[in-house]
Amino acid sequence: MNKKEEQEVRRKLKILAHAEEGNNVSRTYRYWGNPWILFTVGLAETVALAKSAVPSSRKINGKTLSGDVSLSAENVGVYPKSGGVVNGNVDATGYISGKGVYEASSIRVYSSINKPPTGELGAY
């Protein structure tokens, strides 16, 4: 290694030591095309910004974000994958099987407000 290369290595190591001294370890950068000169910067700043990113007083579906949040199917208005009871009107032209949802032209679901056409009942 010649003197110029040695000076460059010393300069890079000084920058690396400065980054480590500040405990800046959140983002890793590769500098000067040398894969062995890696250092990270910005941890202290990133942590400070993250602390105020979402206020802990904010709520989602009535749950505060001051701690861990667990949402169930009921919390977000869906049915659990194990099934559920449908209360209300349904208009469907298919069926659900263990592996997917299928369309079937011969299947119709009707309700008191979604009545079948007279011809489909055999009434004339």
C-alpha atoms as a PDB file:
ATOM      1  CA  MET A   1       0.000   0.000   0.000  1.00  0.00           C
ATOM      2  CA  ASN A   2       1.465   3.353  -0.966  1.00  0.00           C
ATOM      3  CA  LYS A   3       1.361   6.454   1.214  1.00  0.00           C
ATOM      4  CA  LYS A   4      -1.662   7.966  -0.577  1.00  0.00           C
ATOM      5  CA  GLU A   5      -3.721   4.778  -0.157  1.00  0.00           C
ATOM      6  CA  GLU A   6      -2.715   4.582   3.502  1.00  0.00           C
ATOM      7  CA  GLN A   7      -3.874   8.166   4.102  1.00  0.00           C
ATOM      8  CA  GLU A   8      -7.200   7.386   2.421  1.00  0.00           C
ATOM      9  CA  VAL A   9      -7.721   4.332   4.645  1.00  0.00           C
ATOM     10  CA  ARG A  10      -6.926   6.377   7.767  1.00  0.00           C
ATOM     11  CA  ARG A  11      -9.404   9.059   6.687  1.00  0.00           C
ATOM     12  CA  LYS A  12     -12.134   6.464   6.132  1.00  0.00           C
ATOM     13  CA  LEU A  13     -11.463   4.772   9.463  1.00  0.00           C
ATOM     14  CA  LYS A  14     -11.682   8.146  11.197  1.00  0.00           C
ATOM     15  CA  ILE A  15     -15.132   8.694   9.639  1.00  0.00           C
ATOM     16  CA  LEU A  16     -16.169   5.187  10.686  1.00  0.00           C
ATOM     17  CA  ALA A  17     -14.989   5.764  14.268  1.00  0.00           C
ATOM     18  CA  HIS A  18     -16.904   9.047  14.400  1.00  0.00           C
ATOM     19  CA  ALA A  19     -20.109   7.293  13.268  1.00  0.00           C
ATOM     20  CA  GLU A  20     -19.685   4.538  15.862  1.00  0.00           C
ATOM     21  CA  GLU A  21     -18.937   7.084  18.594  1.00  0.00           C
ATOM     22  CA  GLY A  22     -22.294   8.759  18.022  1.00  0.00           C
ATOM     23  CA  ASN A  23     -24.084   5.390  18.253  1.00  0.00           C
ATOM     24  CA  ASN A  24     -25.473   5.986  14.797  1.00  0.00           C
ATOM     25  CA  VAL A  25     -26.348   2.501  13.649  1.00  0.00           C
ATOM     26  CA  SER A  26     -29.669   2.573  11.828  1.00  0.00           C
ATOM     27  CA  ARG A  27     -28.746   2.891   8.155  1.00  0.00           C
ATOM     28  CA  THR A  28     -25.747   1.262   6.519  1.00  0.00           C
ATOM     29  CA  TYR A  29     -23.971   2.932   3.628  1.00  0.00           C
ATOM     30  CA  ARG A  30     -21.201   1.772   1.338  1.00  0.00           C
ATOM     31  CA  TYR A  31     -18.752   4.575   0.600  1.00  0.00           C
ATOM     32  CA  TRP A  32     -15.999   5.131  -1.934  1.00  0.00           C
ATOM     33  CA  GLY A  33     -16.623   1.834  -3.715  1.00  0.00           C
ATOM     34  CA  ASN A  34     -14.852  -0.179  -1.025  1.00  0.00           C
ATOM     35  CA  PRO A  35     -17.068  -2.977   0.314  1.00  0.00           C
ATOM     36  CA  TRP A  36     -15.133  -3.131   3.594  1.00  0.00           C
ATOM     37  CA  ILE A  37     -15.765   0.541   4.385  1.00  0.00           C
ATOM     38  CA  LEU A  38     -19.241   0.288   5.820  1.00  0.00           C
ATOM     39  CA  PHE A  39     -20.645   2.504   8.476  1.00  0.00           C
ATOM     40  CA  THR A  40     -24.026   3.491   9.674  1.00  0.00           C
ATOM     41  CA  VAL A  41     -25.543   6.824  10.494  1.00  0.00           C
ATOM     42  CA  GLY A  42     -28.734   8.235  11.885  1.00  0.00           C
ATOM     43  CA  LEU A  43     -29.946   5.970  14.708  1.00  0.00           C
ATOM     44  CA  ALA A  44     -30.388   8.717  17.296  1.00  0.00           C
ATOM     45  CA  GLU A  45     -32.280  10.881  14.809  1.00  0.00           C
ATOM     46  CA  THR A  46     -34.414   7.964  13.598  1.00  0.00           C
ATOM     47  CA  VAL A  47     -35.405   6.976  17.141  1.00  0.00           C
ATOM     48  CA  ALA A  48     -36.325  10.568  18.003  1.00  0.00           C
ATOM     49  CA  LEU A  49     -38.504  10.890  14.903  1.00  0.00           C
ATOM     50  CA  ALA A  50     -40.173   7.509  15.491  1.00  0.00           C
ATOM     51  CA  LYS A  51     -41.212   8.439  19.036  1.00  0.00           C
ATOM     52  CA  SER A  52     -43.516  11.150  17.740  1.00  0.00           C
ATOM     53  CA  ALA A  53     -44.514   9.553  14.422  1.00  0.00           C
ATOM     54  CA  VAL A  54     -47.924   8.405  15.697  1.00  0.00           C
ATOM     55  CA  PRO A  55     -49.303   9.966  18.880  1.00  0.00           C
ATOM     56  CA  SER A  56     -50.134   7.369  21.526  1.00  0.00           C
ATOM     57  CA  SER A  57     -53.476   9.109  22.068  1.00  0.00           C
ATOM     58  CA  ARG A  58     -54.594   8.184  18.529  1.00  0.00           C
ATOM     59  CA  LYS A  59     -57.170   5.392  18.307  1.00  0.00           C
ATOM     60  CA  ILE A  60     -57.932   2.820  15.649  1.00  0.00           C
ATOM     61  CA  ASN A  61     -61.301   1.087  15.949  1.00  0.00           C
ATOM     62  CA  GLY A  62     -61.547   2.376  19.508  1.00  0.00           C
ATOM     63  CA  LYS A  63     -58.178   0.940  20.564  1.00  0.00           C
ATOM     64  CA  THR A  64     -55.424   3.309  21.701  1.00  0.00           C
ATOM     65  CA  LEU A  65     -51.948   2.917  20.261  1.00  0.00           C
ATOM     66  CA  SER A  66     -50.149   3.288  23.582  1.00  0.00           C
ATOM     67  CA  GLY A  67     -49.390  -0.455  23.566  1.00  0.00           C
ATOM     68  CA  ASP A  68     -49.748  -3.554  21.420  1.00  0.00           C
ATOM     69  CA  VAL A  69     -53.062  -3.775  19.572  1.00  0.00           C
ATOM     70  CA  SER A  70     -54.792  -7.042  18.696  1.00  0.00           C
ATOM     71  CA  LEU A  71     -57.646  -6.867  16.229  1.00  0.00           C
ATOM     72  CA  SER A  72     -60.179  -9.620  15.751  1.00  0.00           C
ATOM     73  CA  ALA A  73     -62.532 -10.224  12.842  1.00  0.00           C
ATOM     74  CA  GLU A  74     -65.277  -8.608  14.918  1.00  0.00           C
ATOM     75  CA  ASN A  75     -63.180  -5.445  15.463  1.00  0.00           C
ATOM     76  CA  VAL A  76     -62.875  -4.798  11.739  1.00  0.00           C
ATOM     77  CA  GLY A  77     -66.305  -5.999  10.601  1.00  0.00           C
ATOM     78  CA  VAL A  78     -65.439  -9.274   8.871  1.00  0.00           C
ATOM     79  CA  TYR A  79     -66.228 -12.907   9.522  1.00  0.00           C
ATOM     80  CA  PRO A  80     -63.575 -15.164  10.993  1.00  0.00           C
ATOM     81  CA  LYS A  81     -62.213 -17.820   8.641  1.00  0.00           C
ATOM     82  CA  SER A  82     -64.053 -20.427  10.717  1.00  0.00           C
ATOM     83  CA  GLY A  83     -67.397 -18.933   9.587  1.00  0.00           C
ATOM     84  CA  GLY A  84     -70.179 -16.939  11.119  1.00  0.00           C
ATOM     85  CA  VAL A  85     -73.876 -16.093  10.982  1.00  0.00           C
ATOM     86  CA  VAL A  86     -75.079 -13.758   8.253  1.00  0.00           C
ATOM     87  CA  ASN A  87     -77.704 -11.324   9.503  1.00  0.00           C
ATOM     88  CA  GLY A  88     -79.118  -9.388   6.599  1.00  0.00           C
ATOM     89  CA  ASN A  89     -79.744  -9.694   2.917  1.00  0.00           C
ATOM     90  CA  VAL A  90     -77.480 -11.710   0.675  1.00  0.00           C
ATOM     91  CA  ASP A  91     -77.458 -11.821  -3.109  1.00  0.00           C
ATOM     92  CA  ALA A  92     -75.200 -14.628  -4.254  1.00  0.00           C
ATOM     93  CA  THR A  93     -74.758 -16.686  -7.389  1.00  0.00           C
ATOM     94  CA  GLY A  94     -72.058 -19.059  -6.257  1.00  0.00           C
ATOM     95  CA  TYR A  95     -70.735 -21.192  -3.472  1.00  0.00           C
ATOM     96  CA  ILE A  96     -67.725 -21.394  -1.219  1.00  0.00           C
ATOM     97  CA  SER A  97     -65.674 -24.540  -0.977  1.00  0.00           C
ATOM     98  CA  GLY A  98     -62.604 -25.263   1.122  1.00  0.00           C
ATOM     99  CA  LYS A  99     -60.304 -24.093  -1.663  1.00  0.00           C
ATOM    100  CA  GLY A 100     -62.110 -21.067  -3.069  1.00  0.00           C
ATOM    101  CA  VAL A 101     -65.236 -19.244  -4.195  1.00  0.00           C
ATOM    102  CA  TYR A 102     -67.006 -20.640  -7.231  1.00  0.00           C
ATOM    103  CA  GLU A 103     -69.697 -19.258  -9.483  1.00  0.00           C
ATOM    104  CA  ALA A 104     -72.663 -21.456 -10.298  1.00  0.00           C
ATOM    105  CA  SER A 105     -75.478 -20.223 -12.506  1.00  0.00           C
ATOM    106  CA  SER A 106     -77.938 -22.707 -10.991  1.00  0.00           C
ATOM    107  CA  ILE A 107     -77.542 -21.390  -7.436  1.00  0.00           C
ATOM    108  CA  ARG A 108     -79.505 -18.377  -6.251  1.00  0.00           C
ATOM    109  CA  VAL A 109     -80.039 -17.021  -2.747  1.00  0.00           C
ATOM    110  CA  TYR A 110     -83.198 -15.039  -2.134  1.00  0.00           C
ATOM    111  CA  SER A 111     -84.637 -13.090   0.785  1.00  0.00           C
ATOM    112  CA  SER A 112     -87.925 -11.409   1.608  1.00  0.00           C
ATOM    113  CA  ILE A 113     -86.828  -8.314  -0.293  1.00  0.00           C
ATOM    114  CA  ASN A 114     -84.916 -10.177  -3.009  1.00  0.00           C
ATOM    115  CA  LYS A 115     -87.671 -12.481  -4.210  1.00  0.00           C
ATOM    116  CA  PRO A 116     -87.242 -14.888  -7.098  1.00  0.00           C
ATOM    117  CA  PRO A 117     -88.949 -14.171 -10.394  1.00  0.00           C
ATOM    118  CA  THR A 118     -92.347 -15.847 -10.700  1.00  0.00           C
ATOM    119  CA  GLY A 119     -91.145 -18.128 -13.488  1.00  0.00           C
ATOM    120  CA  GLU A 120     -88.400 -19.623 -11.331  1.00  0.00           C
ATOM    121  CA  LEU A 121     -90.914 -20.852  -8.740  1.00  0.00           C
ATOM    122  CA  GLY A 122     -93.077 -22.634 -11.241  1.00  0.00           C
ATOM    123  CA  ALA A 123     -95.994 -20.319 -10.443  1.00  0.00           C
ATOM    124  CA  TYR A 124     -97.936 -18.813 -13.347  1.00  0.00           C
END
